[in-house]
C-alpha cells in the first residue's frame, strides 16, 4: 500500500489543494492548503460522504495564526482603552456634577460672575464628555468587530473536527479566552487538546 496524493485546484482562488492518503498509523488523510475555511469545508464534506461521525485532527496554519494573534492583541488594546475611558468618563461626570452644584450655589448667592464661570466650565466639560462618549462608542464597535473575528476563528478551528472533538474545541477555546490563556488557545486550535 502506497501513499496517494491528489492535487486539486481551488475554484475560489486558483491555489492548489492537496489531499494525501497514507497507510501509516492505520490510515491518515492530510488536507494541505493555506486556507483554513477551505480545509474545514473539505473535511466536513469528506466526513459526511464517508459517514464519519468522530474525527480528531491536527491543524497548522501559520499565517492564519499570526493574523489571529494580531486580532487578540487588538482585543486586549480595545479592552484596556475601554477601561481607561470608563474611568476618565466617571471622573468627568463627577466634575460636571460639582460644577452644577457650584453654579447653583452662585445663583442662590446672586454671584452672577461665578455662576457664569461655572456654567461656562460645565458647557466645556459637557462637550468633552460627549467627545469621550463618541470615542468610547467607536472603541466599542471596534472591540465587537475584533471579538467577531475571534469567534470566527473558533468556528474555523471547530470545522476541522467532527463530533465530540468539534464541541470540545469550541468549549475549550472559550474557556482559554475567559482565562486569558493565549498559549493554550493556540494549542487547542492546533491539536484540539
Protein backbone atom coordinates (compact mmCIF):
# COMPACT_ATOMS: atom_id res chain seq x y z
CA UNK A 1 0.00 0.00 0.00
CA UNK A 2 1.42 3.33 -1.05
CA UNK A 3 0.77 6.95 -0.28
CA UNK A 4 -1.57 8.66 -2.71
CA UNK A 5 -1.50 12.43 -3.31
CA UNK A 6 -4.32 14.21 -5.13
CA UNK A 7 -3.75 17.80 -6.28
CA UNK A 8 -6.97 19.79 -6.69
CA UNK A 9 -7.26 23.39 -7.86
CA UNK A 10 -9.48 25.59 -5.74
CA UNK A 11 -12.14 27.41 -7.73
CA UNK A 12 -12.07 30.23 -5.16
CA UNK A 13 -8.53 31.45 -5.62
CA UNK A 14 -6.90 29.02 -8.08
CA UNK A 15 -4.46 27.72 -5.46
CA UNK A 16 -3.69 24.03 -5.28
CA UNK A 17 -5.23 21.93 -2.52
CA UNK A 18 -3.54 18.60 -1.82
CA UNK A 19 -5.28 15.58 -0.34
CA UNK A 20 -2.73 12.97 0.73
CA UNK A 21 -3.85 9.48 1.73
CA UNK A 22 -1.31 7.41 3.66
CA UNK A 23 -1.46 3.93 5.22
CA UNK A 24 0.63 4.99 8.26
CA UNK A 25 -0.97 4.75 11.72
CA UNK A 26 -3.89 2.72 10.37
CA UNK A 27 -4.57 5.24 7.60
CA UNK A 28 -4.32 9.02 7.63
CA UNK A 29 -5.60 11.79 5.43
CA UNK A 30 -3.85 15.12 5.06
CA UNK A 31 -5.51 18.16 3.55
CA UNK A 32 -2.81 20.64 2.59
CA UNK A 33 -3.93 24.19 1.94
CA UNK A 34 -3.22 27.65 3.31
CA UNK A 35 -6.95 28.38 3.65
CA UNK A 36 -8.42 27.22 6.96
CA UNK A 37 -12.00 27.69 5.72
CA UNK A 38 -11.36 25.52 2.69
CA UNK A 39 -9.71 22.79 4.79
CA UNK A 40 -12.73 22.78 7.12
CA UNK A 41 -15.19 22.52 4.27
CA UNK A 42 -13.24 19.68 2.64
CA UNK A 43 -13.04 17.79 5.95
CA UNK A 44 -16.74 18.29 6.70
CA UNK A 45 -17.76 17.14 3.21
CA UNK A 46 -15.37 14.19 3.28
CA UNK A 47 -16.67 13.06 6.68
CA UNK A 48 -20.28 13.42 5.53
CA UNK A 49 -19.58 11.39 2.39
CA UNK A 50 -17.69 8.68 4.29
CA UNK A 51 -20.22 8.78 7.17
CA UNK A 52 -17.54 9.54 9.75
CA UNK A 53 -19.14 10.77 12.98
CA UNK A 54 -15.96 11.40 15.04
CA UNK A 55 -12.76 12.98 13.72
CA UNK A 56 -9.72 14.32 15.52
CA UNK A 57 -7.24 16.43 13.60
CA UNK A 58 -4.08 18.46 13.91
CA UNK A 59 -4.14 21.80 12.11
CA UNK A 60 -1.22 24.01 11.21
CA UNK A 61 -1.98 27.35 9.60
CA UNK A 62 0.95 29.65 10.50
CA UNK A 63 -0.25 32.69 8.51
CA UNK A 64 -3.78 32.50 9.92
CA UNK A 65 -2.44 32.00 13.45
CA UNK A 66 -0.23 35.08 13.11
CA UNK A 67 -3.23 37.11 11.92
CA UNK A 68 -5.24 35.69 14.82
CA UNK A 69 -2.50 36.73 17.25
CA UNK A 70 -2.81 40.29 15.90
CA UNK A 71 -6.59 40.18 16.45
CA UNK A 72 -6.09 39.06 20.06
CA UNK A 73 -3.63 41.92 20.62
CA UNK A 74 -6.23 44.35 19.24
CA UNK A 75 -8.87 42.90 21.60
CA UNK A 76 -6.53 43.47 24.55
CA UNK A 77 -5.82 47.02 23.40
CA UNK A 78 -9.53 47.82 22.94
CA UNK A 79 -10.33 46.39 26.38
CA UNK A 80 -7.59 48.41 28.03
CA UNK A 81 -8.75 51.57 26.26
CA UNK A 82 -12.36 50.84 27.28
CA UNK A 83 -11.41 50.54 30.95
CA UNK A 84 -9.32 53.73 30.80
CA UNK A 85 -12.07 55.70 29.03
CA UNK A 86 -14.69 54.47 31.51
CA UNK A 87 -12.60 55.71 34.43
CA UNK A 88 -11.99 59.05 32.72
CA UNK A 89 -15.69 59.47 31.96
CA UNK A 90 -16.56 58.74 35.60
CA UNK A 91 -14.13 61.45 36.72
CA UNK A 92 -15.56 63.89 34.15
CA UNK A 93 -19.11 63.12 35.28
CA UNK A 94 -18.18 63.84 38.88
CA UNK A 95 -16.61 67.13 37.83
CA UNK A 96 -19.77 68.04 35.91
CA UNK A 97 -21.88 67.33 39.00
CA UNK A 98 -19.57 69.54 41.07
CA UNK A 99 -19.86 72.36 38.52
CA UNK A 100 -23.67 72.16 38.59
CA UNK A 101 -23.59 72.50 42.38
CA UNK A 102 -21.15 75.45 42.17
CA UNK A 103 -23.32 77.20 39.59
CA UNK A 104 -26.46 76.66 41.68
CA UNK A 105 -24.71 77.92 44.83
CA UNK A 106 -23.53 81.02 42.95
CA UNK A 107 -27.06 81.60 41.64
CA UNK A 108 -28.51 81.39 45.17
CA UNK A 109 -25.83 83.78 46.42
CA UNK A 110 -26.58 86.06 43.44
CA UNK A 111 -22.92 85.88 42.37
CA UNK A 112 -23.61 86.12 38.62
CA UNK A 113 -19.93 86.25 37.64
CA UNK A 114 -19.14 82.95 39.44
CA UNK A 115 -22.36 81.40 38.14
CA UNK A 116 -21.46 82.25 34.51
CA UNK A 117 -17.92 80.92 35.00
CA UNK A 118 -19.29 77.65 36.45
CA UNK A 119 -21.79 77.26 33.58
CA UNK A 120 -19.06 78.01 31.01
CA UNK A 121 -16.87 75.30 32.58
CA UNK A 122 -19.88 72.98 32.68
CA UNK A 123 -20.54 73.61 28.98
CA UNK A 124 -16.90 72.83 28.19
CA UNK A 125 -16.99 69.72 30.38
CA UNK A 126 -20.21 68.55 28.73
CA UNK A 127 -18.64 68.94 25.27
CA UNK A 128 -15.64 66.93 26.43
CA UNK A 129 -17.95 64.23 27.83
CA UNK A 130 -19.79 63.98 24.50
CA UNK A 131 -16.44 63.65 22.69
CA UNK A 132 -15.31 60.96 25.10
CA UNK A 133 -18.60 59.12 24.68
CA UNK A 134 -18.14 59.12 20.89
CA UNK A 135 -14.60 57.75 21.31
CA UNK A 136 -15.89 55.09 23.67
CA UNK A 137 -18.69 54.12 21.26
CA UNK A 138 -16.16 53.84 18.42
CA UNK A 139 -13.88 51.72 20.61
CA UNK A 140 -16.84 49.50 21.50
CA UNK A 141 -17.66 48.95 17.81
CA UNK A 142 -14.04 48.06 17.07
CA UNK A 143 -13.96 45.70 20.05
CA UNK A 144 -17.13 43.95 18.84
CA UNK A 145 -15.65 43.56 15.35
CA UNK A 146 -12.44 42.06 16.78
CA UNK A 147 -14.44 39.70 19.04
CA UNK A 148 -16.43 38.61 15.99
CA UNK A 149 -13.11 37.71 14.31
CA UNK A 150 -12.13 35.70 17.40
CA UNK A 151 -15.43 33.82 17.24
CA UNK A 152 -14.94 33.16 13.52
CA UNK A 153 -11.52 31.66 14.23
CA UNK A 154 -13.02 29.38 16.86
CA UNK A 155 -15.65 28.26 14.36
CA UNK A 156 -12.95 27.62 11.72
CA UNK A 157 -11.00 25.50 14.22
CA UNK A 158 -14.15 23.58 15.13
CA UNK A 159 -14.90 22.81 11.46
CA UNK A 160 -11.59 20.97 11.28
CA UNK A 161 -13.09 18.32 13.59
CA UNK A 162 -16.27 16.25 13.64
CA UNK A 163 -18.47 15.09 16.53
CA UNK A 164 -17.31 15.37 20.14
CA UNK A 165 -13.88 16.82 19.19
CA UNK A 166 -15.69 19.66 17.39
CA UNK A 167 -17.71 20.53 20.51
CA UNK A 168 -14.64 20.14 22.70
CA UNK A 169 -12.68 22.66 20.61
CA UNK A 170 -15.41 25.30 20.97
CA UNK A 171 -15.78 24.91 24.73
CA UNK A 172 -12.01 24.67 25.33
CA UNK A 173 -11.33 27.79 23.22
CA UNK A 174 -13.98 29.77 25.09
CA UNK A 175 -12.52 28.62 28.44
CA UNK A 176 -9.00 29.61 27.31
CA UNK A 177 -10.23 33.06 26.25
CA UNK A 178 -12.08 33.52 29.53
CA UNK A 179 -8.90 32.57 31.44
CA UNK A 180 -6.87 34.83 29.09
CA UNK A 181 -4.59 31.87 28.30
CA UNK A 182 -3.45 32.65 24.76
CA UNK A 183 -0.80 29.91 24.61
CA UNK A 184 -3.44 27.32 25.47
CA UNK A 185 -5.83 28.81 22.90
CA UNK A 186 -3.32 28.31 20.07
CA UNK A 187 -2.63 24.73 21.22
CA UNK A 188 -6.37 23.97 21.27
CA UNK A 189 -6.81 25.31 17.75
CA UNK A 190 -3.86 23.23 16.56
CA UNK A 191 -4.47 19.92 18.36
CA UNK A 192 -7.96 20.19 19.92
CA UNK A 193 -6.40 19.40 23.31
